[in-house]
């Protein structure tokens, strides 16, 4: 499915083109898309700030404990459709193209698409595992139509809002998750 053709002048930014094109879509057209994404949830706050823990008298000493990235984390993948969703898939380690095809697309996406023939387009962002030749060849071989969003376009994927809400709910839990298994159970 390609974006509707419209005339734009040479000064129109790709972001403006994307917004105009997307807003001209009908409810039925939006309703035929399966939106997917992955997200990483951290046990600790992952706001990019460094935190240093020191015992008394160890101020700025090399033996201080520094947490730069938020500590242990869990990566998950899911997709949503107007009337349903896929189960939340726990992704072990980093998401590579091979992992994406073997642990996500083949066991979870394909059966879901077969069970929902009214889904005509599979929407994913332009992350490297999604655009890798291995992934694109797999999706083409399986007859899965993907949407060709422009790079640097606004993120119109509604699942991003769900990740934000899920992150807020997990962060608000009392007591907070203290290990990855409890974090997975909370998700």
Protein backbone atom coordinates (compact mmCIF):
# COMPACT_ATOMS: atom_id res chain seq x y z
CA UNK A 1 0.00 0.00 0.00
CA UNK A 2 1.58 3.26 -1.02
CA UNK A 3 0.76 6.69 0.25
CA UNK A 4 -1.80 8.71 -1.72
CA UNK A 5 -0.30 10.94 -4.39
CA UNK A 6 -0.62 14.67 -3.89
CA UNK A 7 1.14 17.68 -5.30
CA UNK A 8 3.57 19.41 -2.98
CA UNK A 9 5.93 22.27 -3.71
CA UNK A 10 9.69 21.97 -3.39
CA UNK A 11 9.67 23.62 0.06
CA UNK A 12 7.33 21.08 1.65
CA UNK A 13 9.20 19.00 4.20
CA UNK A 14 8.88 15.19 4.29
CA UNK A 15 7.25 15.55 7.72
CA UNK A 16 4.54 17.85 6.30
CA UNK A 17 3.98 15.51 3.35
CA UNK A 18 3.63 12.55 5.69
CA UNK A 19 1.11 14.31 7.93
CA UNK A 20 -1.04 15.47 5.00
CA UNK A 21 -0.89 12.03 3.39
CA UNK A 22 -1.76 10.22 6.60
CA UNK A 23 -4.63 12.55 7.52
CA UNK A 24 -6.24 11.97 4.12
CA UNK A 25 -6.61 8.26 4.83
CA UNK A 26 -10.05 6.88 5.58
CA UNK A 27 -11.04 5.06 8.75
CA UNK A 28 -11.31 1.86 6.72
CA UNK A 29 -7.78 2.24 5.38
CA UNK A 30 -6.35 2.84 8.87
CA UNK A 31 -8.39 -0.13 10.09
CA UNK A 32 -6.60 -2.56 7.79
CA UNK A 33 -3.13 -1.97 9.26
CA UNK A 34 -1.42 -4.08 11.91
CA UNK A 35 0.92 -1.74 13.83
CA UNK A 36 3.96 -3.33 15.47
CA UNK A 37 6.88 -2.21 17.57
CA UNK A 38 9.27 -3.32 20.26
CA UNK A 39 10.23 -1.55 23.43
CA UNK A 40 12.73 -2.00 26.22
CA UNK A 41 11.66 -1.68 29.85
CA UNK A 42 14.29 -1.11 32.55
CA UNK A 43 14.27 -2.13 36.20
CA UNK A 44 15.73 1.24 37.14
CA UNK A 45 15.10 4.66 35.67
CA UNK A 46 16.69 4.96 32.24
CA UNK A 47 16.64 8.71 31.80
CA UNK A 48 20.23 9.01 30.56
CA UNK A 49 21.59 10.49 33.80
CA UNK A 50 24.49 8.89 35.64
CA UNK A 51 23.89 7.93 39.23
CA UNK A 52 26.75 7.33 41.64
CA UNK A 53 26.43 5.44 44.91
CA UNK A 54 29.25 5.85 47.40
CA UNK A 55 29.81 4.92 50.99
CA UNK A 56 30.76 7.65 53.37
CA UNK A 57 34.30 8.81 52.65
CA UNK A 58 34.34 7.37 49.09
CA UNK A 59 33.29 10.56 47.38
CA UNK A 60 34.17 10.33 43.65
CA UNK A 61 36.45 7.40 44.35
CA UNK A 62 37.01 4.71 41.72
CA UNK A 63 35.24 2.15 43.93
CA UNK A 64 31.92 3.98 43.67
CA UNK A 65 29.09 2.20 41.89
CA UNK A 66 27.91 3.97 38.71
CA UNK A 67 24.66 3.16 36.93
CA UNK A 68 24.68 4.69 33.45
CA UNK A 69 21.96 2.84 31.56
CA UNK A 70 19.22 1.92 33.96
CA UNK A 71 20.41 -1.56 34.81
CA UNK A 72 18.81 -4.84 33.73
CA UNK A 73 16.05 -4.64 31.16
CA UNK A 74 13.45 -6.63 29.23
CA UNK A 75 12.70 -6.14 25.54
CA UNK A 76 9.19 -6.91 24.32
CA UNK A 77 7.43 -6.92 20.94
CA UNK A 78 3.75 -6.66 20.17
CA UNK A 79 1.38 -5.46 17.49
CA UNK A 80 -2.09 -3.99 17.58
CA UNK A 81 -5.01 -3.94 15.20
CA UNK A 82 -8.28 -2.05 15.46
CA UNK A 83 -10.08 -4.93 17.14
CA UNK A 84 -7.36 -7.08 18.70
CA UNK A 85 -3.67 -7.46 19.49
CA UNK A 86 -0.92 -10.05 19.46
CA UNK A 87 0.40 -11.46 22.73
CA UNK A 88 3.36 -9.65 24.27
CA UNK A 89 6.54 -11.40 23.09
CA UNK A 90 9.60 -11.35 25.35
CA UNK A 91 12.75 -10.91 23.22
CA UNK A 92 15.88 -12.40 24.76
CA UNK A 93 18.96 -10.21 24.36
CA UNK A 94 19.27 -7.71 21.53
CA UNK A 95 16.94 -7.74 18.55
CA UNK A 96 18.83 -8.67 15.38
CA UNK A 97 17.30 -9.43 12.01
CA UNK A 98 17.79 -13.18 12.58
CA UNK A 99 16.18 -12.98 16.01
CA UNK A 100 13.34 -10.86 14.63
CA UNK A 101 12.50 -13.42 11.94
CA UNK A 102 12.93 -16.58 14.02
CA UNK A 103 11.58 -15.44 17.41
CA UNK A 104 8.95 -12.87 16.42
CA UNK A 105 7.76 -12.94 12.82
CA UNK A 106 7.62 -16.68 12.11
CA UNK A 107 6.08 -17.91 15.41
CA UNK A 108 3.89 -14.91 16.28
CA UNK A 109 3.19 -12.62 13.32
CA UNK A 110 2.40 -15.21 10.64
CA UNK A 111 -0.18 -17.18 12.67
CA UNK A 112 -1.80 -13.89 13.74
CA UNK A 113 -2.08 -12.70 10.12
CA UNK A 114 -3.53 -16.05 9.06
CA UNK A 115 -6.18 -15.77 11.79
CA UNK A 116 -7.07 -12.20 10.74
CA UNK A 117 -7.39 -12.02 6.93
CA UNK A 118 -8.84 -8.49 7.13
CA UNK A 119 -5.35 -7.19 7.97
CA UNK A 120 -3.87 -6.10 4.67
CA UNK A 121 -0.75 -4.18 5.75
CA UNK A 122 1.92 -4.89 8.36
CA UNK A 123 3.36 -1.61 9.71
CA UNK A 124 6.76 -1.48 11.36
CA UNK A 125 9.27 1.31 11.87
CA UNK A 126 12.56 1.57 10.07
CA UNK A 127 14.73 -0.05 12.76
CA UNK A 128 17.64 -2.04 11.36
CA UNK A 129 16.18 -5.48 12.11
CA UNK A 130 13.01 -4.45 10.22
CA UNK A 131 14.78 -3.15 7.12
CA UNK A 132 17.46 -5.84 6.94
CA UNK A 133 17.52 -7.90 3.76
CA UNK A 134 16.81 -11.08 5.74
CA UNK A 135 13.62 -9.56 7.15
CA UNK A 136 12.38 -7.96 3.94
CA UNK A 137 13.01 -11.17 1.97
CA UNK A 138 11.17 -13.23 4.60
CA UNK A 139 8.14 -10.93 4.55
CA UNK A 140 8.06 -10.91 0.74
CA UNK A 141 8.33 -14.72 0.58
CA UNK A 142 5.41 -14.99 3.01
CA UNK A 143 3.33 -12.50 1.01
CA UNK A 144 3.16 -9.96 3.84
CA UNK A 145 2.59 -6.44 2.54
CA UNK A 146 4.41 -3.74 4.46
CA UNK A 147 3.93 0.00 4.43
CA UNK A 148 6.78 2.05 3.04
CA UNK A 149 7.01 4.99 5.44
CA UNK A 150 9.55 7.64 4.58
CA UNK A 151 12.55 7.96 6.85
CA UNK A 152 12.46 10.95 9.23
CA UNK A 153 8.66 10.93 9.14
CA UNK A 154 6.55 11.55 12.23
CA UNK A 155 5.79 8.45 14.22
CA UNK A 156 2.11 7.75 13.61
CA UNK A 157 2.28 4.31 15.19
CA UNK A 158 -0.34 4.17 17.96
CA UNK A 159 1.50 1.40 19.78
CA UNK A 160 4.07 3.99 20.92
CA UNK A 161 1.38 5.48 23.18
CA UNK A 162 0.68 2.03 24.61
CA UNK A 163 4.37 1.54 25.46
CA UNK A 164 4.34 4.87 27.30
CA UNK A 165 1.25 3.91 29.29
CA UNK A 166 2.60 0.45 30.09
CA UNK A 167 5.88 1.98 31.27
CA UNK A 168 4.02 4.41 33.55
CA UNK A 169 1.91 1.62 35.05
CA UNK A 170 4.93 -0.60 35.70
CA UNK A 171 6.83 2.33 37.26
CA UNK A 172 3.88 3.11 39.54
CA UNK A 173 3.72 -0.42 40.98
CA UNK A 174 4.26 -0.73 44.69
CA UNK A 175 6.57 -2.44 45.38
CA UNK A 176 8.46 -1.84 42.11
CA UNK A 177 9.89 -4.82 40.20
CA UNK A 178 13.25 -5.86 41.66
CA UNK A 179 14.34 -8.40 39.04
CA UNK A 180 13.66 -9.17 35.39
CA UNK A 181 11.19 -11.98 36.09
CA UNK A 182 9.03 -9.72 38.25
CA UNK A 183 9.29 -7.05 35.53
CA UNK A 184 8.12 -9.57 32.91
CA UNK A 185 5.21 -10.61 35.13
CA UNK A 186 4.27 -6.92 35.60
CA UNK A 187 4.28 -6.34 31.85
